Amino acid sequence: MTTTTGTATLEAPQPTREDVEHVDVLIVGAGVSGIGAAHTLRERFPDRSFVLLDTQDARGGTWWTHRYPGVRSDSDLFTYGYRHKPWRGPSIAAGGEILAYLDEVIEEDGLAPHIRYRHRVTAASWSSEDARWTVEVSREDAGGTVRMTTDFLWMCQGYYDHAKPYRPDWPGLDDYAGVLVHPQSWPEDLDVTGKRVVVIGSGSTAATLIPAIAQDAAHVTMLQRSPSYFLAPPLTHELAVTLRALDIPEDWTHEILRRAYSAQFDELARLSHEAPDELHAFLMESVKPLLPEGFDVDKHLTPRYRPWQQRIAVVPEGDLFAALREGRASIVTDTIETFTEKGIRLASGEELEADVVVTATGFDLSAFGGVAFTVDGERVEFPERVTWRGVMISGVPNMAYVFGYFRHSWTLRVDLVCDLVTRVFERMREKGARSVVPELRPEDAGMQIRPWSDPENFNAGYVMRSQHLLFRQGDREPWTHMLEHAQEAEALPKADLDDGSLVYR
């Protein structure tokens, strides 16, 4: 086995047995969610066997696949880091630093022998008679397929379609003679030095990428159809600076900063619902001093939606705005009429000449990694199912999933979900149950079925494009999800596991 940090591959021993291998818990995904789930099993159920399967060449999920210049967190690392593992770096960190952090967790928990890379789960079939899952796995490292069985399936594969990024089909694409690239598949040999670059998009990816490449490019233009909200916090929280100067233990600093950031974003989430105009004014006023003189804030920085109906893009120290002030970057708000040989012609008639066009146009969601699920021979159609507390799916036994927050750090919810799943494990053990499945109760008959995401709550493009692929939610607990962190931090630890919504057998 070799274990290194940075972007090197972490290798784990691969099974050579030809027969079916069985594990107590099978975790799909070796990113932040899967590693968090594995840590929890190690800590609370050390007697249970488990394996993590991941399609990629190494750990990290998004942090492994996204390698565009400047890639970094858009959440603070005190809340994006795990509850059990203090974060010792700046509040906002680069992708390589996050991978190094995950490597430390893998090493400290001895997880490497349990992780198998280049293993793609293609199908999962539940048998009530056997009370276990049979999982088909494509061995992309060695060819062929293997079959595994497990008592419990824990889906931690994230929500990206890593293989196929989202890119609109603009007119004239074939006519463009320059370089066209998507951040999700950034070429290692792409050099933008002295080049004119147009970045299409205004979200977190564009806001991260532009300051990084503007240092070397001749000029970078951010072309947006509509603006996004931005927040420009310091790279390191002033409280962290104070605590470290006082030589406070790192685990204390981690917990204090974790609570401080959580409280800050809980307040922002509250304002987004209760006082959106007030929050809008705050966000606008906080960035105005960072902008070039005469900058048209109404045109280029005023979104069409209320704050946090889409994710707020974080630009630490206002680095995006620094690139604007220095003339190394600019913003154009318009729509694309067509690509041309030399660049892009806009609806206004203006043509943006570009040697490189970066389509930072987002991604598509993947429903459970595209795995085909069956229960007792019947295919599971997820749009016909509802969620149980954003953790399990109605009618699907012994399967949990991890989906983080849109507005808060993803990992805040990883910790809460891991706590809830282990409570379910404990309840099953107490009852002597081999299976647990969410099922609608008599009082849930006639319950209103709602979309996976309410557009009034969160309406990012990748969410709206994928609604038809995803499970739904009800109008009451425990059949709802996408609550704010402050709500779930109180509700999930108290969730009643014997209210009839979980059936133990």
Protein backbone atom coordinates (compact mmCIF):
# COMPACT_ATOMS: atom_id res chain seq x y z
CA MET A 1 0.00 0.00 0.00
CA THR A 2 1.16 3.55 -0.74
CA THR A 3 -0.26 6.54 1.08
CA THR A 4 0.65 10.06 0.00
CA THR A 5 -0.90 13.48 0.20
CA GLY A 6 -1.60 16.07 -2.47
CA THR A 7 -2.83 14.68 -5.77
CA ALA A 8 -1.10 11.28 -5.63
CA THR A 9 -3.25 8.17 -5.72
CA LEU A 10 -3.99 6.29 -2.53
CA GLU A 11 -3.81 2.58 -3.28
CA ALA A 12 -5.58 -0.05 -1.21
CA PRO A 13 -5.35 -3.84 -1.47
CA GLN A 14 -7.80 -5.33 -3.92
CA PRO A 15 -9.65 -8.62 -3.32
CA THR A 16 -8.60 -11.54 -5.45
CA ARG A 17 -11.33 -13.97 -4.40
CA GLU A 18 -13.59 -15.19 -7.16
CA ASP A 19 -16.58 -15.91 -4.86
CA VAL A 20 -19.02 -13.36 -3.53
CA GLU A 21 -17.60 -11.19 -0.76
CA HIS A 22 -19.81 -10.11 2.14
CA VAL A 23 -19.43 -7.08 4.42
CA ASP A 24 -21.70 -5.80 7.16
CA VAL A 25 -21.79 -2.27 5.72
CA LEU A 26 -20.95 -1.25 2.16
CA ILE A 27 -20.17 2.46 1.73
CA VAL A 28 -20.37 3.84 -1.81
CA GLY A 29 -18.06 6.83 -2.20
CA ALA A 30 -14.71 7.78 -0.65
CA GLY A 31 -15.21 11.52 -0.49
CA VAL A 32 -16.04 13.67 2.52
CA SER A 33 -19.30 11.78 3.17
CA GLY A 34 -17.92 8.26 2.79
CA ILE A 35 -14.83 8.92 4.89
CA GLY A 36 -17.06 10.46 7.57
CA ALA A 37 -19.32 7.39 7.55
CA ALA A 38 -16.31 5.06 7.80
CA HIS A 39 -14.92 7.04 10.74
CA THR A 40 -18.26 6.70 12.52
CA LEU A 41 -18.35 2.94 11.99
CA ARG A 42 -14.78 2.60 13.25
CA GLU A 43 -15.62 4.60 16.36
CA ARG A 44 -19.06 3.25 17.30
CA PHE A 45 -19.29 -0.19 15.70
CA PRO A 46 -15.70 -1.53 15.63
CA ASP A 47 -16.96 -5.11 15.33
CA ARG A 48 -18.65 -4.49 11.95
CA SER A 49 -16.87 -5.12 8.68
CA PHE A 50 -17.07 -2.46 5.99
CA VAL A 51 -15.67 -1.49 2.60
CA LEU A 52 -15.70 1.82 0.70
CA LEU A 53 -16.02 1.64 -3.08
CA ASP A 54 -15.19 4.62 -5.28
CA THR A 55 -15.27 5.10 -9.02
CA GLN A 56 -12.36 7.55 -9.06
CA ASP A 57 -8.62 6.88 -8.95
CA ALA A 58 -8.28 8.26 -5.43
CA ARG A 59 -10.07 9.65 -2.41
CA GLY A 60 -11.74 13.01 -2.13
CA GLY A 61 -14.65 13.04 -4.59
CA THR A 62 -15.03 16.59 -5.85
CA TRP A 63 -11.64 17.54 -4.42
CA TRP A 64 -10.00 14.85 -6.53
CA THR A 65 -11.87 15.45 -9.79
CA HIS A 66 -11.87 19.28 -9.72
CA ARG A 67 -8.39 20.49 -10.59
CA TYR A 68 -8.96 23.85 -12.21
CA PRO A 69 -6.70 26.73 -11.15
CA GLY A 70 -7.47 28.17 -7.73
CA VAL A 71 -9.92 25.40 -6.72
CA ARG A 72 -10.83 25.95 -3.08
CA SER A 73 -13.62 25.56 -0.57
CA ASP A 74 -16.57 27.91 -0.73
CA SER A 75 -17.34 27.13 2.91
CA ASP A 76 -15.18 27.69 5.94
CA LEU A 77 -13.11 24.64 6.89
CA PHE A 78 -14.05 24.80 10.56
CA THR A 79 -17.54 23.65 9.60
CA TYR A 80 -16.55 21.82 6.42
CA GLY A 81 -14.01 19.84 8.43
CA TYR A 82 -15.25 17.01 10.60
CA ARG A 83 -16.47 17.53 14.13
CA HIS A 84 -13.87 15.07 15.44
CA LYS A 85 -10.88 16.37 13.48
CA PRO A 86 -9.66 19.93 14.23
CA TRP A 87 -8.87 22.12 11.23
CA ARG A 88 -5.57 23.93 11.70
CA GLY A 89 -5.32 26.01 8.53
CA PRO A 90 -6.98 29.17 7.18
CA SER A 91 -10.76 29.39 7.12
CA ILE A 92 -10.86 29.02 3.32
CA ALA A 93 -8.53 26.35 1.93
CA ALA A 94 -7.28 25.12 -1.44
CA GLY A 95 -8.29 21.75 -2.82
CA GLY A 96 -4.88 20.22 -2.10
CA GLU A 97 -5.08 21.25 1.55
CA ILE A 98 -8.47 19.58 1.88
CA LEU A 99 -7.14 16.38 0.32
CA ALA A 100 -4.25 16.42 2.78
CA TYR A 101 -6.76 16.79 5.63
CA LEU A 102 -8.74 13.79 4.34
CA ASP A 103 -5.49 11.81 4.05
CA GLU A 104 -4.86 12.43 7.74
CA VAL A 105 -8.31 11.09 8.64
CA ILE A 106 -7.72 8.00 6.48
CA GLU A 107 -4.35 7.37 8.13
CA GLU A 108 -5.49 8.05 11.70
CA ASP A 109 -8.52 5.75 11.33
CA GLY A 110 -6.66 3.07 9.36
CA LEU A 111 -9.16 3.29 6.51
CA ALA A 112 -6.84 2.74 3.53
CA PRO A 113 -7.16 -1.08 3.53
CA HIS A 114 -10.94 -0.69 3.41
CA ILE A 115 -11.04 1.60 0.33
CA ARG A 116 -11.16 0.22 -3.21
CA TYR A 117 -10.74 2.68 -6.04
CA ARG A 118 -11.85 2.35 -9.67
CA HIS A 119 -14.82 0.28 -8.48
CA ARG A 120 -18.12 1.48 -9.95
CA VAL A 121 -21.35 0.20 -8.41
CA THR A 122 -23.81 -0.43 -11.23
CA ALA A 123 -26.71 -2.26 -9.57
CA ALA A 124 -28.03 -3.07 -6.10
CA SER A 125 -30.72 -5.69 -5.45
CA TRP A 126 -32.41 -6.21 -2.09
CA SER A 127 -33.78 -9.60 -1.05
CA SER A 128 -36.22 -9.60 1.86
CA GLU A 129 -35.81 -13.37 2.18
CA ASP A 130 -32.05 -13.02 2.70
CA ALA A 131 -32.28 -9.58 4.36
CA ARG A 132 -29.31 -8.30 2.42
CA TRP A 133 -28.21 -6.41 -0.68
CA THR A 134 -26.43 -7.96 -3.64
CA VAL A 135 -24.31 -5.35 -5.39
CA GLU A 136 -22.82 -5.51 -8.87
CA VAL A 137 -19.49 -3.73 -9.19
CA SER A 138 -17.56 -2.88 -12.35
CA ARG A 139 -13.82 -3.28 -11.75
CA GLU A 140 -12.45 -0.39 -13.79
CA ASP A 141 -8.98 -1.01 -12.39
CA ALA A 142 -8.71 -4.55 -13.75
CA GLY A 143 -11.71 -5.07 -16.02
CA GLY A 144 -14.68 -7.33 -15.46
CA THR A 145 -17.23 -7.25 -12.66
CA VAL A 146 -17.50 -8.55 -9.13
CA ARG A 147 -20.45 -9.22 -6.88
CA MET A 148 -20.68 -8.30 -3.22
CA THR A 149 -23.34 -8.70 -0.57
CA THR A 150 -23.98 -6.45 2.39
CA ASP A 151 -26.42 -6.13 5.26
CA PHE A 152 -26.57 -2.35 4.94
CA LEU A 153 -25.88 -0.04 2.00
CA TRP A 154 -24.67 3.47 2.75
CA MET A 155 -24.76 5.76 -0.29
CA CYS A 156 -22.13 8.50 0.09
CA GLN A 157 -21.37 9.15 -3.58
CA GLY A 158 -22.20 12.85 -3.52
CA TYR A 159 -24.44 14.56 -6.01
CA TYR A 160 -22.24 15.42 -9.00
CA ASP A 161 -22.33 13.66 -12.32
CA HIS A 162 -18.53 13.60 -12.47
CA ALA A 163 -18.43 12.01 -15.92
CA LYS A 164 -20.51 14.60 -17.77
CA PRO A 165 -20.54 18.30 -16.81
CA TYR A 166 -23.40 20.55 -17.81
CA ARG A 167 -22.82 22.70 -20.88
CA PRO A 168 -25.64 24.38 -22.85
CA ASP A 169 -25.80 23.67 -26.57
CA TRP A 170 -25.06 27.17 -27.85
CA PRO A 171 -25.33 28.00 -31.58
CA GLY A 172 -22.04 28.14 -33.47
CA LEU A 173 -19.97 26.02 -31.09
CA ASP A 174 -18.46 24.11 -34.01
CA ASP A 175 -17.33 27.39 -35.58
CA TYR A 176 -15.23 28.44 -32.61
CA ALA A 177 -11.51 28.04 -33.38
CA GLY A 178 -10.19 28.61 -29.85
CA VAL A 179 -9.95 26.36 -26.81
CA LEU A 180 -13.22 25.36 -25.12
CA VAL A 181 -12.94 23.87 -21.64
CA HIS A 182 -15.18 23.04 -18.68
CA PRO A 183 -13.70 23.41 -15.17
CA GLN A 184 -14.89 19.91 -14.27
CA SER A 185 -12.48 18.46 -16.86
CA TRP A 186 -9.65 20.99 -16.81
CA PRO A 187 -6.68 19.92 -19.02
CA GLU A 188 -3.41 19.69 -17.10
CA ASP A 189 -1.48 21.22 -19.99
CA LEU A 190 -3.71 24.26 -20.53
CA ASP A 191 -1.66 27.47 -20.30
CA VAL A 192 -3.60 30.74 -20.34
CA THR A 193 -0.55 32.99 -20.10
CA GLY A 194 -1.07 36.03 -22.33
CA LYS A 195 -4.42 34.69 -23.55
CA ARG A 196 -7.79 36.42 -23.73
CA VAL A 197 -10.14 34.30 -21.64
CA VAL A 198 -13.93 34.41 -21.35
CA VAL A 199 -15.43 32.56 -18.38
CA ILE A 200 -19.14 31.87 -18.85
CA GLY A 201 -20.87 31.80 -15.48
CA SER A 202 -21.05 33.78 -12.26
CA GLY A 203 -21.22 31.17 -9.51
CA SER A 204 -18.64 29.87 -7.08
CA THR A 205 -16.54 28.15 -9.75
CA ALA A 206 -16.21 31.29 -11.87
CA ALA A 207 -15.51 33.41 -8.79
CA THR A 208 -12.74 31.01 -7.76
CA LEU A 209 -11.20 30.49 -11.19
CA ILE A 210 -11.05 34.08 -12.41
CA PRO A 211 -8.69 35.54 -9.77
CA ALA A 212 -6.37 32.54 -10.23
CA ILE A 213 -5.99 32.81 -14.00
CA ALA A 214 -6.19 36.63 -14.19
CA GLN A 215 -2.66 36.78 -12.79
CA ASP A 216 -1.25 35.36 -16.05
CA ALA A 217 -3.92 35.88 -18.72
CA ALA A 218 -3.96 38.97 -20.93
CA HIS A 219 -7.50 39.62 -19.69
CA VAL A 220 -10.37 37.61 -18.24
CA THR A 221 -14.02 38.45 -18.89
CA MET A 222 -16.74 36.98 -16.71
CA LEU A 223 -19.76 36.62 -18.99
CA GLN A 224 -22.95 36.15 -17.04
CA ARG A 225 -26.55 35.86 -18.07
CA SER A 226 -27.59 37.04 -14.61
CA PRO A 227 -25.63 38.03 -11.47
CA SER A 228 -24.98 36.07 -8.30
CA TYR A 229 -24.67 37.16 -4.70
CA PHE A 230 -21.15 37.41 -3.27
CA LEU A 231 -19.69 37.45 0.20
CA ALA A 232 -16.09 38.59 0.78
CA PRO A 233 -14.93 37.27 4.17
CA PRO A 234 -11.32 37.34 5.37
CA LEU A 235 -9.22 34.30 4.49
CA THR A 236 -8.78 33.62 8.19
CA HIS A 237 -11.38 34.58 10.79
CA GLU A 238 -10.07 37.26 13.15
CA LEU A 239 -11.20 35.12 16.08
CA ALA A 240 -8.95 32.30 14.87
CA VAL A 241 -6.02 34.71 14.78
CA THR A 242 -6.76 35.80 18.36
CA LEU A 243 -7.16 32.27 19.71
CA ARG A 244 -3.99 31.01 18.09
CA ALA A 245 -2.06 34.01 19.39
CA LEU A 246 -3.19 32.98 22.88
CA ASP A 247 -1.95 29.42 22.24
CA ILE A 248 -5.43 27.99 22.76
CA PRO A 249 -5.52 24.19 22.07
CA GLU A 250 -6.42 23.46 18.45
CA ASP A 251 -9.43 21.35 19.35
CA TRP A 252 -10.83 24.27 21.40
CA THR A 253 -10.14 26.69 18.55
CA HIS A 254 -11.81 24.31 16.11
CA GLU A 255 -14.96 24.00 18.21
CA ILE A 256 -15.19 27.73 18.97
CA LEU A 257 -14.78 28.68 15.29
CA ARG A 258 -17.17 25.92 14.26
CA ARG A 259 -19.83 27.40 16.51
CA ALA A 260 -19.07 30.96 15.43
CA TYR A 261 -19.37 30.15 11.72
CA SER A 262 -22.48 28.04 12.29
CA ALA A 263 -24.14 30.90 14.16
CA GLN A 264 -23.21 33.34 11.40
CA PHE A 265 -24.68 31.22 8.64
CA ASP A 266 -27.72 30.28 10.72
CA GLU A 267 -28.40 34.01 11.00
CA LEU A 268 -27.93 34.54 7.26
CA ALA A 269 -30.32 31.65 6.58
CA ARG A 270 -32.87 33.15 8.97
CA LEU A 271 -32.64 36.56 7.32
CA SER A 272 -33.00 35.02 3.85
CA HIS A 273 -36.46 33.79 4.86
CA GLU A 274 -37.62 36.46 7.30
CA ALA A 275 -35.96 39.64 6.00
CA PRO A 276 -34.65 39.07 2.46
CA ASP A 277 -34.61 42.79 1.61
CA GLU A 278 -32.48 43.50 4.66
CA LEU A 279 -30.06 40.71 3.76
CA HIS A 280 -29.90 41.90 0.15
CA ALA A 281 -28.97 45.39 1.32
CA PHE A 282 -26.30 43.99 3.63
CA LEU A 283 -24.72 41.89 0.86
CA MET A 284 -24.73 44.79 -1.58
CA GLU A 285 -23.23 47.26 0.89
CA SER A 286 -20.54 44.80 1.96
CA VAL A 287 -19.11 44.50 -1.56
CA LYS A 288 -19.50 48.06 -2.85
CA PRO A 289 -16.28 49.36 -1.21
CA LEU A 290 -14.35 46.59 -2.98
CA LEU A 291 -15.47 47.48 -6.50
CA PRO A 292 -13.87 49.74 -9.13
CA GLU A 293 -15.05 53.35 -9.21
CA GLY A 294 -18.16 53.73 -11.34
CA PHE A 295 -18.97 50.00 -11.34
CA ASP A 296 -22.62 49.32 -12.25
CA VAL A 297 -23.78 47.34 -9.21
CA ASP A 298 -27.42 47.18 -10.30
CA LYS A 299 -26.56 45.64 -13.65
CA HIS A 300 -23.69 43.30 -12.74
CA LEU A 301 -24.21 42.33 -9.09
CA THR A 302 -27.96 42.43 -8.40
CA PRO A 303 -29.50 38.96 -8.81
CA ARG A 304 -33.02 38.26 -9.98
CA TYR A 305 -33.70 36.03 -6.97
CA ARG A 306 -33.76 36.70 -3.25
CA PRO A 307 -30.63 35.98 -1.19
CA TRP A 308 -29.83 32.30 -0.83
CA GLN A 309 -32.40 30.97 -3.23
CA GLN A 310 -29.10 30.04 -4.81
CA ARG A 311 -25.75 29.61 -3.10
CA ILE A 312 -23.84 32.75 -2.18
CA ALA A 313 -20.41 32.74 -3.84
CA VAL A 314 -17.55 33.28 -1.39
CA VAL A 315 -14.62 35.41 -2.57
CA PRO A 316 -12.10 35.48 0.31
CA GLU A 317 -10.46 38.87 0.81
CA GLY A 318 -12.54 40.02 -2.19
CA ASP A 319 -9.94 38.60 -4.61
CA LEU A 320 -12.39 38.62 -7.54
CA PHE A 321 -13.07 42.31 -6.97
CA ALA A 322 -9.34 43.02 -6.71
CA ALA A 323 -8.93 41.58 -10.22
CA LEU A 324 -11.69 43.94 -11.40
CA ARG A 325 -10.11 46.99 -9.75
CA GLU A 326 -6.71 46.21 -11.26
CA GLY A 327 -8.18 45.87 -14.76
CA ARG A 328 -7.14 42.25 -15.10
CA ALA A 329 -10.76 41.12 -15.25
CA SER A 330 -14.15 42.53 -16.16
CA ILE A 331 -17.82 41.54 -16.02
CA VAL A 332 -20.23 41.52 -18.95
CA THR A 333 -23.92 40.84 -18.29
CA ASP A 334 -25.63 39.69 -21.48
CA THR A 335 -26.89 36.60 -23.27
CA ILE A 336 -25.10 34.57 -25.93
CA GLU A 337 -26.44 34.85 -29.45
CA THR A 338 -23.84 32.58 -31.04
CA PHE A 339 -20.26 31.46 -30.92
CA THR A 340 -18.09 32.73 -33.76
CA GLU A 341 -14.69 31.71 -35.06
CA LYS A 342 -12.98 34.24 -32.81
CA GLY A 343 -15.21 34.20 -29.75
CA ILE A 344 -18.79 34.95 -28.74
CA ARG A 345 -21.35 37.34 -30.19
CA LEU A 346 -23.83 38.63 -27.64
CA ALA A 347 -27.47 39.58 -27.96
CA SER A 348 -26.44 43.23 -27.71
CA GLY A 349 -24.31 42.79 -30.85
CA GLU A 350 -21.01 43.04 -28.98
CA GLU A 351 -18.43 40.38 -29.80
CA LEU A 352 -16.05 39.08 -27.16
CA GLU A 353 -12.89 37.75 -28.76
CA ALA A 354 -11.37 34.87 -26.81
CA ASP A 355 -8.43 32.52 -27.18
CA VAL A 356 -9.95 30.37 -24.42
CA VAL A 357 -13.59 30.01 -23.39
CA VAL A 358 -14.29 28.39 -20.01
CA THR A 359 -17.83 27.15 -19.58
CA ALA A 360 -18.32 27.43 -15.81
CA THR A 361 -21.95 26.55 -16.36
CA GLY A 362 -22.35 24.06 -13.55
CA PHE A 363 -23.13 20.38 -13.41
CA ASP A 364 -25.97 17.91 -13.39
CA LEU A 365 -27.12 16.01 -10.35
CA SER A 366 -26.76 12.25 -10.28
CA ALA A 367 -29.42 10.27 -8.44
CA PHE A 368 -27.45 7.82 -6.29
CA GLY A 369 -24.65 7.64 -8.82
CA GLY A 370 -26.91 6.17 -11.49
CA VAL A 371 -27.08 2.83 -9.63
CA ALA A 372 -30.04 0.66 -10.68
CA PHE A 373 -31.92 -0.36 -7.52
CA THR A 374 -34.38 -3.23 -7.17
CA VAL A 375 -36.27 -4.44 -4.12
CA ASP A 376 -37.47 -8.04 -4.29
CA GLY A 377 -37.19 -7.99 -8.06
CA GLU A 378 -39.05 -4.70 -8.62
CA ARG A 379 -37.16 -1.71 -9.94
CA VAL A 380 -37.08 1.27 -7.59
CA GLU A 381 -38.36 4.38 -9.35
CA PHE A 382 -37.04 7.10 -7.08
CA PRO A 383 -39.37 9.89 -8.32
CA GLU A 384 -42.21 7.76 -6.94
CA ARG A 385 -40.64 7.58 -3.47
CA VAL A 386 -40.31 10.09 -0.63
CA THR A 387 -37.46 10.79 1.71
CA TRP A 388 -37.35 9.92 5.39
CA ARG A 389 -35.66 12.91 7.09
CA GLY A 390 -33.29 13.32 4.14
CA VAL A 391 -31.52 10.11 5.20
CA MET A 392 -33.51 7.11 3.93
CA ILE A 393 -36.04 6.41 1.17
CA SER A 394 -39.56 5.03 1.54
CA GLY A 395 -39.83 1.37 0.62
CA VAL A 396 -36.06 0.88 0.34
CA PRO A 397 -34.77 -1.30 3.21
CA ASN A 398 -31.37 -1.04 4.90
CA MET A 399 -30.19 1.88 2.80
CA ALA A 400 -29.14 5.32 3.99
CA TYR A 401 -27.66 8.20 2.05
CA VAL A 402 -25.75 11.37 2.83
CA PHE A 403 -26.75 14.67 1.28
CA GLY A 404 -25.32 17.82 2.82
CA TYR A 405 -26.54 21.37 2.98
CA PHE A 406 -26.84 23.89 0.16
CA ARG A 407 -26.40 26.93 2.37
CA HIS A 408 -24.16 25.60 5.12
CA SER A 409 -21.06 23.46 4.91
CA TRP A 410 -21.79 20.00 3.52
CA THR A 411 -19.99 18.25 6.38
CA LEU A 412 -22.16 19.76 9.10
CA ARG A 413 -24.88 17.45 7.87
CA VAL A 414 -22.53 14.50 7.36
CA ASP A 415 -21.94 14.46 11.10
CA LEU A 416 -25.67 14.71 11.89
CA VAL A 417 -26.58 11.95 9.42
CA CYS A 418 -23.87 9.66 10.79
CA ASP A 419 -25.27 10.16 14.28
CA LEU A 420 -28.79 9.31 13.12
CA VAL A 421 -27.76 6.24 11.12
CA THR A 422 -25.83 4.82 14.05
CA ARG A 423 -28.89 5.38 16.26
CA VAL A 424 -30.86 3.32 13.73
CA PHE A 425 -28.20 0.60 13.92
CA GLU A 426 -28.45 0.58 17.71
CA ARG A 427 -32.26 0.39 17.58
CA MET A 428 -32.10 -2.53 15.15
CA ARG A 429 -29.72 -4.35 17.50
CA GLU A 430 -32.01 -3.73 20.48
CA LYS A 431 -34.98 -5.11 18.55
CA GLY A 432 -33.05 -8.01 17.03
CA ALA A 433 -34.11 -6.72 13.61
CA ARG A 434 -32.31 -7.64 10.39
CA SER A 435 -33.98 -4.93 8.33
CA VAL A 436 -35.45 -1.47 8.68
CA VAL A 437 -37.50 0.32 6.05
CA PRO A 438 -39.32 3.67 6.00
CA GLU A 439 -43.01 3.22 5.23
CA LEU A 440 -45.89 5.70 5.16
CA ARG A 441 -48.20 5.33 8.13
CA PRO A 442 -52.02 5.33 8.04
CA GLU A 443 -51.98 8.96 9.18
CA ASP A 444 -49.83 9.80 6.15
CA ALA A 445 -52.51 8.70 3.70
CA GLY A 446 -53.35 11.57 1.39
CA MET A 447 -50.19 13.45 2.34
CA GLN A 448 -49.28 16.14 -0.17
CA ILE A 449 -46.24 15.06 -2.19
CA ARG A 450 -43.86 17.90 -2.96
CA PRO A 451 -40.84 18.26 -5.27
CA TRP A 452 -37.36 17.25 -4.17
CA SER A 453 -36.57 20.96 -3.90
CA ASP A 454 -39.12 23.73 -3.51
CA PRO A 455 -38.13 26.45 -6.02
CA GLU A 456 -39.24 29.08 -3.51
CA ASN A 457 -36.62 27.72 -1.16
CA PHE A 458 -33.71 26.86 -3.49
CA ASN A 459 -33.76 27.13 -7.27
CA ALA A 460 -30.22 26.77 -8.62
CA GLY A 461 -30.05 25.60 -12.23
CA TYR A 462 -28.61 22.17 -11.45
CA VAL A 463 -31.46 21.59 -9.00
CA MET A 464 -34.22 22.62 -11.38
CA ARG A 465 -32.74 20.56 -14.25
CA SER A 466 -32.73 17.39 -12.14
CA GLN A 467 -36.04 17.48 -10.26
CA HIS A 468 -37.56 14.79 -12.48
CA LEU A 469 -34.82 12.30 -11.58
CA LEU A 470 -35.06 12.58 -7.83
CA PHE A 471 -37.25 11.37 -5.02
CA ARG A 472 -39.86 13.65 -3.45
CA GLN A 473 -40.81 14.88 -0.01
CA GLY A 474 -44.04 15.15 1.95
CA ASP A 475 -45.70 17.98 3.80
CA ARG A 476 -44.88 16.76 7.32
CA GLU A 477 -42.18 15.14 9.38
CA PRO A 478 -40.49 12.74 8.99
CA TRP A 479 -41.04 12.95 5.22
CA THR A 480 -39.35 16.33 4.72
CA HIS A 481 -35.78 17.42 4.07
CA MET A 482 -33.64 20.46 3.18
CA LEU A 483 -34.22 22.07 6.53
CA GLU A 484 -31.73 24.61 7.81
CA HIS A 485 -28.84 23.46 9.97
CA ALA A 486 -30.18 25.14 13.11
CA GLN A 487 -33.43 23.17 12.75
CA GLU A 488 -31.77 19.83 12.11
CA ALA A 489 -29.12 20.23 14.78
CA GLU A 490 -32.01 20.18 17.24
CA ALA A 491 -34.44 17.84 15.46
CA LEU A 492 -32.30 14.96 14.15
CA PRO A 493 -30.74 13.96 17.49
CA LYS A 494 -34.28 13.79 18.93
CA ALA A 495 -35.85 12.00 15.97
CA ASP A 496 -38.33 9.36 17.15
CA LEU A 497 -37.25 6.01 15.72
CA ASP A 498 -40.41 4.30 16.98
CA ASP A 499 -43.13 6.58 15.61
CA GLY A 500 -44.22 3.94 13.09
CA SER A 501 -42.45 5.51 10.11
CA LEU A 502 -39.64 2.95 10.38
CA VAL A 503 -40.65 -0.70 10.17
CA TYR A 504 -38.26 -3.19 11.78
CA ARG A 505 -38.28 -6.82 10.75
